[in-house]
Amino acid sequence: MSLRFNNIDIVVIDYGMGNLRSVQNALIRFGVNVNITNDLSKIIKSDALVLPGVGAFGEAISNLQLLKIIDPIKDQILSNKKPILGICLGMQLLAESSEEKGNHQGLGLIEGTVKKIKTLENHRLPHIGWNDIKVMKKKPLFNKIISEDAFYFVHSYEFKASKKYISSYTDYGKGITASVQKNNIFGVQFHPEKSQTAGLIIIRNFLNYVEQSMKNLC
């Protein structure tokens, strides 16, 4: 497993929502060349994409539409098989739709919809804090992660997807999707950049996947 990834160019997609610098700093720790941008030419030239985000689904999609980068990004992911990692709201944007403050169309990269979490009386929204996860698929993101490892969550909505796309759950009075994956498309509901050692392992595993994908293209 690599520890440094100086050969990888990653674009953190900037669409006006989210703490992009913390994601950038986490990637830089592994020697990655990181661009925070919405410049289409840099998106196309990159080896992989990271889609972070904090806020409302509808506003996020609207911002991406205004930038006119949705179709080119989807082409890079679906046609060119470019790896992407969605974080928090970025994971939810991978879905087909969301019911947050109305009905909104998502990127449609993984089948499913985003719905408000239905909690028990002793579980408040938003779901904020550290929760352990139950890993369903070890590879590639959860290699060297155990089910007792905790990650930092901040969200009120959940990605309701088919079990075949869910790679981990968290328990917040019920099972909630903590991560999804489909081919070269990955999403985590938690914030790996804020989840200390376990979060950095997730990022390193994603970078290893990207590096291997680059070798397969050669």
C-alpha atoms as a PDB file:
ATOM      1  CA  MET A   1       0.000   0.000   0.000  1.00  0.00           C
ATOM      2  CA  SER A   2       1.434   3.378  -1.013  1.00  0.00           C
ATOM      3  CA  LEU A   3       2.048   6.113   1.545  1.00  0.00           C
ATOM      4  CA  ARG A   4       2.789   8.929  -0.916  1.00  0.00           C
ATOM      5  CA  PHE A   5       0.891   9.693  -4.110  1.00  0.00           C
ATOM      6  CA  ASN A   6       2.912  12.429  -5.810  1.00  0.00           C
ATOM      7  CA  ASN A   7       1.855  11.110  -9.213  1.00  0.00           C
ATOM      8  CA  ILE A   8      -1.871  11.716  -8.612  1.00  0.00           C
ATOM      9  CA  ASP A   9      -3.713  14.907  -9.622  1.00  0.00           C
ATOM     10  CA  ILE A  10      -7.047  15.348  -7.864  1.00  0.00           C
ATOM     11  CA  VAL A  11      -9.697  18.018  -8.307  1.00  0.00           C
ATOM     12  CA  VAL A  12     -11.798  18.940  -5.301  1.00  0.00           C
ATOM     13  CA  ILE A  13     -14.896  20.284  -7.029  1.00  0.00           C
ATOM     14  CA  ASP A  14     -15.720  23.817  -5.900  1.00  0.00           C
ATOM     15  CA  TYR A  15     -19.405  24.651  -6.276  1.00  0.00           C
ATOM     16  CA  GLY A  16     -19.643  27.148  -3.444  1.00  0.00           C
ATOM     17  CA  MET A  17     -20.607  24.792  -0.598  1.00  0.00           C
ATOM     18  CA  GLY A  18     -18.519  23.078   2.045  1.00  0.00           C
ATOM     19  CA  ASN A  19     -15.222  23.311   3.855  1.00  0.00           C
ATOM     20  CA  LEU A  20     -12.964  22.528   0.926  1.00  0.00           C
ATOM     21  CA  ARG A  21      -9.692  23.400   2.638  1.00  0.00           C
ATOM     22  CA  SER A  22      -9.932  20.641   5.234  1.00  0.00           C
ATOM     23  CA  VAL A  23     -10.414  18.078   2.452  1.00  0.00           C
ATOM     24  CA  GLN A  24      -7.517  19.575   0.519  1.00  0.00           C
ATOM     25  CA  ASN A  25      -5.256  19.454   3.579  1.00  0.00           C
ATOM     26  CA  ALA A  26      -6.088  15.795   4.204  1.00  0.00           C
ATOM     27  CA  LEU A  27      -5.166  14.912   0.616  1.00  0.00           C
ATOM     28  CA  ILE A  28      -1.966  16.961   0.722  1.00  0.00           C
ATOM     29  CA  ARG A  29      -0.777  14.864   3.673  1.00  0.00           C
ATOM     30  CA  PHE A  30      -0.344  12.022   1.192  1.00  0.00           C
ATOM     31  CA  GLY A  31       1.586  14.109  -1.337  1.00  0.00           C
ATOM     32  CA  VAL A  32      -1.335  14.434  -3.744  1.00  0.00           C
ATOM     33  CA  ASN A  33      -1.429  17.323  -6.216  1.00  0.00           C
ATOM     34  CA  VAL A  34      -4.739  19.009  -5.351  1.00  0.00           C
ATOM     35  CA  ASN A  35      -6.726  21.656  -7.200  1.00  0.00           C
ATOM     36  CA  ILE A  36      -9.841  23.239  -5.656  1.00  0.00           C
ATOM     37  CA  THR A  37     -11.656  24.333  -8.769  1.00  0.00           C
ATOM     38  CA  ASN A  38     -14.701  24.170 -11.021  1.00  0.00           C
ATOM     39  CA  ASP A  39     -12.569  24.737 -14.118  1.00  0.00           C
ATOM     40  CA  LEU A  40     -13.706  22.123 -16.626  1.00  0.00           C
ATOM     41  CA  SER A  41     -10.300  21.767 -18.279  1.00  0.00           C
ATOM     42  CA  LYS A  42      -8.706  20.875 -14.926  1.00  0.00           C
ATOM     43  CA  ILE A  43     -11.537  18.486 -14.110  1.00  0.00           C
ATOM     44  CA  ILE A  44     -10.948  16.669 -17.403  1.00  0.00           C
ATOM     45  CA  LYS A  45      -7.161  16.487 -16.889  1.00  0.00           C
ATOM     46  CA  SER A  46      -7.423  15.202 -13.303  1.00  0.00           C
ATOM     47  CA  ASP A  47      -6.911  11.577 -12.290  1.00  0.00           C
ATOM     48  CA  ALA A  48      -9.810  11.590  -9.818  1.00  0.00           C
ATOM     49  CA  LEU A  49     -12.499  13.819  -8.343  1.00  0.00           C
ATOM     50  CA  VAL A  50     -13.617  14.595  -4.798  1.00  0.00           C
ATOM     51  CA  LEU A  51     -17.073  16.088  -4.280  1.00  0.00           C
ATOM     52  CA  PRO A  52     -17.431  17.454  -0.737  1.00  0.00           C
ATOM     53  CA  GLY A  53     -20.331  19.516   0.534  1.00  0.00           C
ATOM     54  CA  VAL A  54     -22.212  20.928   3.489  1.00  0.00           C
ATOM     55  CA  GLY A  55     -25.710  22.410   3.198  1.00  0.00           C
ATOM     56  CA  ALA A  56     -28.919  21.882   1.255  1.00  0.00           C
ATOM     57  CA  PHE A  57     -29.245  19.444  -1.644  1.00  0.00           C
ATOM     58  CA  GLY A  58     -31.321  21.764  -3.841  1.00  0.00           C
ATOM     59  CA  GLU A  59     -28.882  24.658  -3.559  1.00  0.00           C
ATOM     60  CA  ALA A  60     -25.972  22.343  -4.324  1.00  0.00           C
ATOM     61  CA  ILE A  61     -27.552  21.004  -7.508  1.00  0.00           C
ATOM     62  CA  SER A  62     -28.540  24.526  -8.551  1.00  0.00           C
ATOM     63  CA  ASN A  63     -24.942  25.707  -8.134  1.00  0.00           C
ATOM     64  CA  LEU A  64     -23.628  22.800 -10.199  1.00  0.00           C
ATOM     65  CA  GLN A  65     -26.201  23.533 -12.908  1.00  0.00           C
ATOM     66  CA  LEU A  66     -25.207  27.204 -13.033  1.00  0.00           C
ATOM     67  CA  LEU A  67     -21.582  26.160 -13.491  1.00  0.00           C
ATOM     68  CA  LYS A  68     -22.644  23.893 -16.404  1.00  0.00           C
ATOM     69  CA  ILE A  69     -20.367  21.091 -15.274  1.00  0.00           C
ATOM     70  CA  ILE A  70     -22.830  18.312 -14.402  1.00  0.00           C
ATOM     71  CA  ASP A  71     -22.863  16.548 -17.782  1.00  0.00           C
ATOM     72  CA  PRO A  72     -19.083  16.825 -18.329  1.00  0.00           C
ATOM     73  CA  ILE A  73     -18.435  15.453 -14.833  1.00  0.00           C
ATOM     74  CA  LYS A  74     -20.815  12.547 -15.412  1.00  0.00           C
ATOM     75  CA  ASP A  75     -19.104  11.828 -18.733  1.00  0.00           C
ATOM     76  CA  GLN A  76     -15.715  11.684 -17.009  1.00  0.00           C
ATOM     77  CA  ILE A  77     -17.070   9.289 -14.390  1.00  0.00           C
ATOM     78  CA  LEU A  78     -19.243   7.046 -16.558  1.00  0.00           C
ATOM     79  CA  SER A  79     -17.400   7.036 -19.882  1.00  0.00           C
ATOM     80  CA  ASN A  80     -13.795   7.569 -18.777  1.00  0.00           C
ATOM     81  CA  LYS A  81     -14.255   5.631 -15.499  1.00  0.00           C
ATOM     82  CA  LYS A  82     -12.647   8.428 -13.485  1.00  0.00           C
ATOM     83  CA  PRO A  83     -12.879   7.666  -9.729  1.00  0.00           C
ATOM     84  CA  ILE A  84     -14.961  10.006  -7.588  1.00  0.00           C
ATOM     85  CA  LEU A  85     -15.401  10.271  -3.837  1.00  0.00           C
ATOM     86  CA  GLY A  86     -18.463  12.106  -2.520  1.00  0.00           C
ATOM     87  CA  ILE A  87     -18.300  13.340   1.067  1.00  0.00           C
ATOM     88  CA  CYS A  88     -21.380  14.126   3.227  1.00  0.00           C
ATOM     89  CA  LEU A  89     -23.661  16.209   0.987  1.00  0.00           C
ATOM     90  CA  GLY A  90     -21.361  15.174  -1.852  1.00  0.00           C
ATOM     91  CA  MET A  91     -22.362  11.550  -1.274  1.00  0.00           C
ATOM     92  CA  GLN A  92     -26.048  12.452  -1.299  1.00  0.00           C
ATOM     93  CA  LEU A  93     -25.615  14.286  -4.607  1.00  0.00           C
ATOM     94  CA  LEU A  94     -24.655  10.954  -6.199  1.00  0.00           C
ATOM     95  CA  ALA A  95     -28.260   9.803  -5.747  1.00  0.00           C
ATOM     96  CA  GLU A  96     -31.051  10.013  -8.298  1.00  0.00           C
ATOM     97  CA  SER A  97     -33.126  12.418  -6.231  1.00  0.00           C
ATOM     98  CA  SER A  98     -33.664  14.109  -2.874  1.00  0.00           C
ATOM     99  CA  GLU A  99     -36.753  15.015  -0.835  1.00  0.00           C
ATOM    100  CA  GLU A 100     -34.946  17.745   1.115  1.00  0.00           C
ATOM    101  CA  LYS A 101     -37.097  20.912   1.006  1.00  0.00           C
ATOM    102  CA  GLY A 102     -38.939  19.747  -2.095  1.00  0.00           C
ATOM    103  CA  ASN A 103     -38.069  17.273  -4.808  1.00  0.00           C
ATOM    104  CA  HIS A 104     -34.740  17.634  -6.556  1.00  0.00           C
ATOM    105  CA  GLN A 105     -32.961  15.634  -9.214  1.00  0.00           C
ATOM    106  CA  GLY A 106     -29.497  14.402  -8.259  1.00  0.00           C
ATOM    107  CA  LEU A 107     -26.543  13.334 -10.373  1.00  0.00           C
ATOM    108  CA  GLY A 108     -28.072   9.871 -10.759  1.00  0.00           C
ATOM    109  CA  LEU A 109     -24.755   8.043 -10.471  1.00  0.00           C
ATOM    110  CA  ILE A 110     -26.040   5.551  -7.889  1.00  0.00           C
ATOM    111  CA  GLU A 111     -29.670   4.438  -7.798  1.00  0.00           C
ATOM    112  CA  GLY A 112     -31.513   5.674  -4.726  1.00  0.00           C
ATOM    113  CA  THR A 113     -33.011   8.738  -3.093  1.00  0.00           C
ATOM    114  CA  VAL A 114     -32.212  11.042  -0.181  1.00  0.00           C
ATOM    115  CA  LYS A 115     -34.819  11.244   2.583  1.00  0.00           C
ATOM    116  CA  LYS A 116     -35.055  12.834   6.023  1.00  0.00           C
ATOM    117  CA  ILE A 117     -33.928  10.528   8.801  1.00  0.00           C
ATOM    118  CA  LYS A 118     -36.856   9.176  10.806  1.00  0.00           C
ATOM    119  CA  THR A 119     -35.538   9.064  14.357  1.00  0.00           C
ATOM    120  CA  LEU A 120     -36.699   7.695  17.672  1.00  0.00           C
ATOM    121  CA  GLU A 121     -37.574  10.135  20.487  1.00  0.00           C
ATOM    122  CA  ASN A 122     -34.117   9.941  22.049  1.00  0.00           C
ATOM    123  CA  HIS A 123     -32.290  10.585  18.761  1.00  0.00           C
ATOM    124  CA  ARG A 124     -32.224  14.210  17.670  1.00  0.00           C
ATOM    125  CA  LEU A 125     -31.571  15.793  14.297  1.00  0.00           C
ATOM    126  CA  PRO A 126     -29.197  16.684  12.937  1.00  0.00           C
ATOM    127  CA  HIS A 127     -27.205  13.547  13.639  1.00  0.00           C
ATOM    128  CA  ILE A 128     -23.974  15.098  14.905  1.00  0.00           C
ATOM    129  CA  GLY A 129     -20.980  13.353  16.393  1.00  0.00           C
ATOM    130  CA  TRP A 130     -18.922  10.197  16.425  1.00  0.00           C
ATOM    131  CA  ASN A 131     -20.514   6.879  15.477  1.00  0.00           C
ATOM    132  CA  ASP A 132     -18.983   3.519  14.735  1.00  0.00           C
ATOM    133  CA  ILE A 133     -19.870   1.728  11.536  1.00  0.00           C
ATOM    134  CA  LYS A 134     -20.647  -1.777  10.361  1.00  0.00           C
ATOM    135  CA  VAL A 135     -18.563  -2.571   7.310  1.00  0.00           C
ATOM    136  CA  MET A 136     -20.343  -4.578   4.611  1.00  0.00           C
ATOM    137  CA  LYS A 137     -17.686  -4.350   1.882  1.00  0.00           C
ATOM    138  CA  LYS A 138     -14.033  -4.143   2.887  1.00  0.00           C
ATOM    139  CA  LYS A 139     -12.611  -3.298  -0.518  1.00  0.00           C
ATOM    140  CA  PRO A 140     -11.506  -0.852  -1.538  1.00  0.00           C
ATOM    141  CA  LEU A 141     -12.400   1.933   0.938  1.00  0.00           C
ATOM    142  CA  PHE A 142     -12.511  -0.046   4.186  1.00  0.00           C
ATOM    143  CA  ASN A 143      -9.328  -2.052   3.953  1.00  0.00           C
ATOM    144  CA  LYS A 144      -7.740  -2.052   7.456  1.00  0.00           C
ATOM    145  CA  ILE A 145     -10.924  -0.534   8.939  1.00  0.00           C
ATOM    146  CA  ILE A 146     -12.808  -2.512  11.592  1.00  0.00           C
ATOM    147  CA  SER A 147     -16.487  -2.185  12.490  1.00  0.00           C
ATOM    148  CA  GLU A 148     -15.646  -0.609  15.850  1.00  0.00           C
ATOM    149  CA  ASP A 149     -13.878   2.344  14.215  1.00  0.00           C
ATOM    150  CA  ALA A 150     -15.761   5.626  14.690  1.00  0.00           C
ATOM    151  CA  PHE A 151     -16.275   8.437  12.181  1.00  0.00           C
ATOM    152  CA  TYR A 152     -17.621  11.974  12.458  1.00  0.00           C
ATOM    153  CA  PHE A 153     -21.145  12.588  11.101  1.00  0.00           C
ATOM    154  CA  VAL A 154     -23.185  15.784  10.573  1.00  0.00           C
ATOM    155  CA  HIS A 155     -26.454  15.266   8.685  1.00  0.00           C
ATOM    156  CA  SER A 156     -30.257  15.167   8.863  1.00  0.00           C
ATOM    157  CA  TYR A 157     -30.897  13.266   5.636  1.00  0.00           C
ATOM    158  CA  GLU A 158     -29.904   9.751   4.584  1.00  0.00           C
ATOM    159  CA  PHE A 159     -29.164   8.042   1.278  1.00  0.00           C
ATOM    160  CA  LYS A 160     -31.717   5.245   0.791  1.00  0.00           C
ATOM    161  CA  ALA A 161     -30.030   2.896  -1.655  1.00  0.00           C
ATOM    162  CA  SER A 162     -30.184  -0.772  -2.614  1.00  0.00           C
ATOM    163  CA  LYS A 163     -28.137  -3.046  -0.340  1.00  0.00           C
ATOM    164  CA  LYS A 164     -25.889  -3.954  -3.247  1.00  0.00           C
ATOM    165  CA  TYR A 165     -24.519  -0.394  -3.252  1.00  0.00           C
ATOM    166  CA  ILE A 166     -24.131   0.038   0.513  1.00  0.00           C
ATOM    167  CA  SER A 167     -20.610  -0.594   1.804  1.00  0.00           C
ATOM    168  CA  SER A 168     -21.225   0.360   5.460  1.00  0.00           C
ATOM    169  CA  TYR A 169     -23.957   1.332   7.923  1.00  0.00           C
ATOM    170  CA  THR A 170     -24.071   3.347  11.111  1.00  0.00           C
ATOM    171  CA  ASP A 171     -26.597   2.907  13.927  1.00  0.00           C
ATOM    172  CA  TYR A 172     -28.579   5.981  14.990  1.00  0.00           C
ATOM    173  CA  GLY A 173     -31.595   4.273  16.485  1.00  0.00           C
ATOM    174  CA  LYS A 174     -31.781   2.378  13.195  1.00  0.00           C
ATOM    175  CA  GLY A 175     -29.437   1.469  10.386  1.00  0.00           C
ATOM    176  CA  ILE A 176     -28.383   4.454   8.283  1.00  0.00           C
ATOM    177  CA  THR A 177     -26.258   4.280   5.146  1.00  0.00           C
ATOM    178  CA  ALA A 178     -22.738   5.389   6.027  1.00  0.00           C
ATOM    179  CA  SER A 179     -21.167   4.761   2.619  1.00  0.00           C
ATOM    180  CA  VAL A 180     -21.979   3.637  -0.911  1.00  0.00           C
ATOM    181  CA  GLN A 181     -20.015   2.356  -3.859  1.00  0.00           C
ATOM    182  CA  LYS A 182     -20.678   1.372  -7.451  1.00  0.00           C
ATOM    183  CA  ASN A 183     -17.753   0.566  -9.725  1.00  0.00           C
ATOM    184  CA  ASN A 184     -15.529   3.696  -9.673  1.00  0.00           C
ATOM    185  CA  ILE A 185     -18.073   5.756  -7.721  1.00  0.00           C
ATOM    186  CA  PHE A 186     -17.732   6.098  -3.936  1.00  0.00           C
ATOM    187  CA  GLY A 187     -19.514   8.109  -1.279  1.00  0.00           C
ATOM    188  CA  VAL A 188     -19.202   8.480   2.492  1.00  0.00           C
ATOM    189  CA  GLN A 189     -21.802  10.178   4.667  1.00  0.00           C
ATOM    190  CA  PHE A 190     -19.243  10.916   7.365  1.00  0.00           C
ATOM    191  CA  HIS A 191     -16.314  13.343   7.121  1.00  0.00           C
ATOM    192  CA  PRO A 192     -13.074  11.370   6.689  1.00  0.00           C
ATOM    193  CA  GLU A 193     -11.065  14.599   6.823  1.00  0.00           C
ATOM    194  CA  LYS A 194     -12.400  15.160  10.367  1.00  0.00           C
ATOM    195  CA  SER A 195     -12.277  11.530  11.517  1.00  0.00           C
ATOM    196  CA  GLN A 196      -8.652  11.363  12.639  1.00  0.00           C
ATOM    197  CA  THR A 197      -6.671   8.175  11.928  1.00  0.00           C
ATOM    198  CA  ALA A 198      -9.608   6.099  10.641  1.00  0.00           C
ATOM    199  CA  GLY A 199     -10.612   8.890   8.272  1.00  0.00           C
ATOM    200  CA  LEU A 200      -7.101   9.166   6.877  1.00  0.00           C
ATOM    201  CA  ILE A 201      -7.117   5.422   6.209  1.00  0.00           C
ATOM    202  CA  ILE A 202     -10.282   5.897   4.118  1.00  0.00           C
ATOM    203  CA  ILE A 203      -8.597   8.648   2.118  1.00  0.00           C
ATOM    204  CA  ARG A 204      -5.457   6.576   1.635  1.00  0.00           C
ATOM    205  CA  ASN A 205      -7.541   3.601   0.465  1.00  0.00           C
ATOM    206  CA  PHE A 206      -9.288   5.821  -2.083  1.00  0.00           C
ATOM    207  CA  LEU A 207      -5.924   7.076  -3.330  1.00  0.00           C
ATOM    208  CA  ASN A 208      -4.665   3.515  -3.645  1.00  0.00           C
ATOM    209  CA  TYR A 209      -7.729   2.728  -5.747  1.00  0.00           C
ATOM    210  CA  VAL A 210      -7.023   5.778  -7.928  1.00  0.00           C
ATOM    211  CA  GLU A 211      -3.380   4.771  -8.352  1.00  0.00           C
ATOM    212  CA  GLN A 212      -4.342   1.240  -9.350  1.00  0.00           C
ATOM    213  CA  SER A 213      -6.924   2.592 -11.797  1.00  0.00           C
ATOM    214  CA  MET A 214      -4.234   4.733 -13.425  1.00  0.00           C
ATOM    215  CA  LYS A 215      -1.974   1.671 -13.833  1.00  0.00           C
ATOM    216  CA  ASN A 216      -4.811  -0.282 -15.431  1.00  0.00           C
ATOM    217  CA  LEU A 217      -5.198   2.469 -18.046  1.00  0.00           C
ATOM    218  CA  CYS A 218      -1.535   2.247 -19.062  1.00  0.00           C
END
